[in-house]
Amino acid sequence: MHNNVRIGIMGGVFDPIHIGHLFTAEEARNNLSLDKVIFVPCLNPTHKRNDRVTTIKHRLQMTYLAIKDNPYFEVSKIEINRPGPSYTIDTIKEFRKIYGWDAEIFFITGADAFLEIESWYKKEELFTMCQFVAATRPGYDLDKLNPNFKRVLKIMEIPLLAISSTDIRFRIKNKLSIKYIVLEEIRKYIYDNKLYSKERQASVGNKNR
């Protein structure tokens, strides 16, 4: 039914999504001749973060806003609709059910995510189910990656990858500009909903007490 289709899966927390994510997806689409790239916001990240993850309602809406002008980009709620931890292998299995084994599936994410590959759930099985694509910034030390894993990894250098969601959240908390590092629609959404500000963090914290 979907034979020979080439699909990019862009996994991430997208908290918030920024132009580095979008540029990476577009570069992957062009360099790998992908038919489309599907953004998959993660519901429950399996790797801990020091600060609270923004609710999926806001992260999903920002992802929709970010990709709306690119006809080759889609958003999937596969991980949102699945209870429990957001394991990559479960996501790839669901896409295999949709597109079949004739489809070529490329899982795209930042190279830093692969530094923890040893802790990924069922990684050996996962390696057999899709091609991994690691996006790196110029000058990134590839020797940090597991040498066995590097053999099955496509490396894609992205100049804009120096931008990070962590830095954007820091900039907002400290009242610094995020203009030009996120799309204008995203910047407006963040400020309209008071995301990432110290005042919002305090408000959320108080509600949880």
Foldseek 3Di string as FASTA:
>chain_A
DQAAAEEEEEEDQPLPPWVLSVVQQVCCCVVVVHQAYEYEHAQAEPDDDPDDRDHPVLRVVNVCVQCVVPPRYHYDDVNVPDDDGRAPQVVLVVVCVVNPQNYAYEYEDAVVVQLVLVPHDPSVVVLVRHQYEHEAEPPDDPVSGDPVVVVRYHYHYDNLPVDDSVVVLVCQQVVHDPPPGHDPVSVVSCVVVVPSHPVVSVVVVVVVD
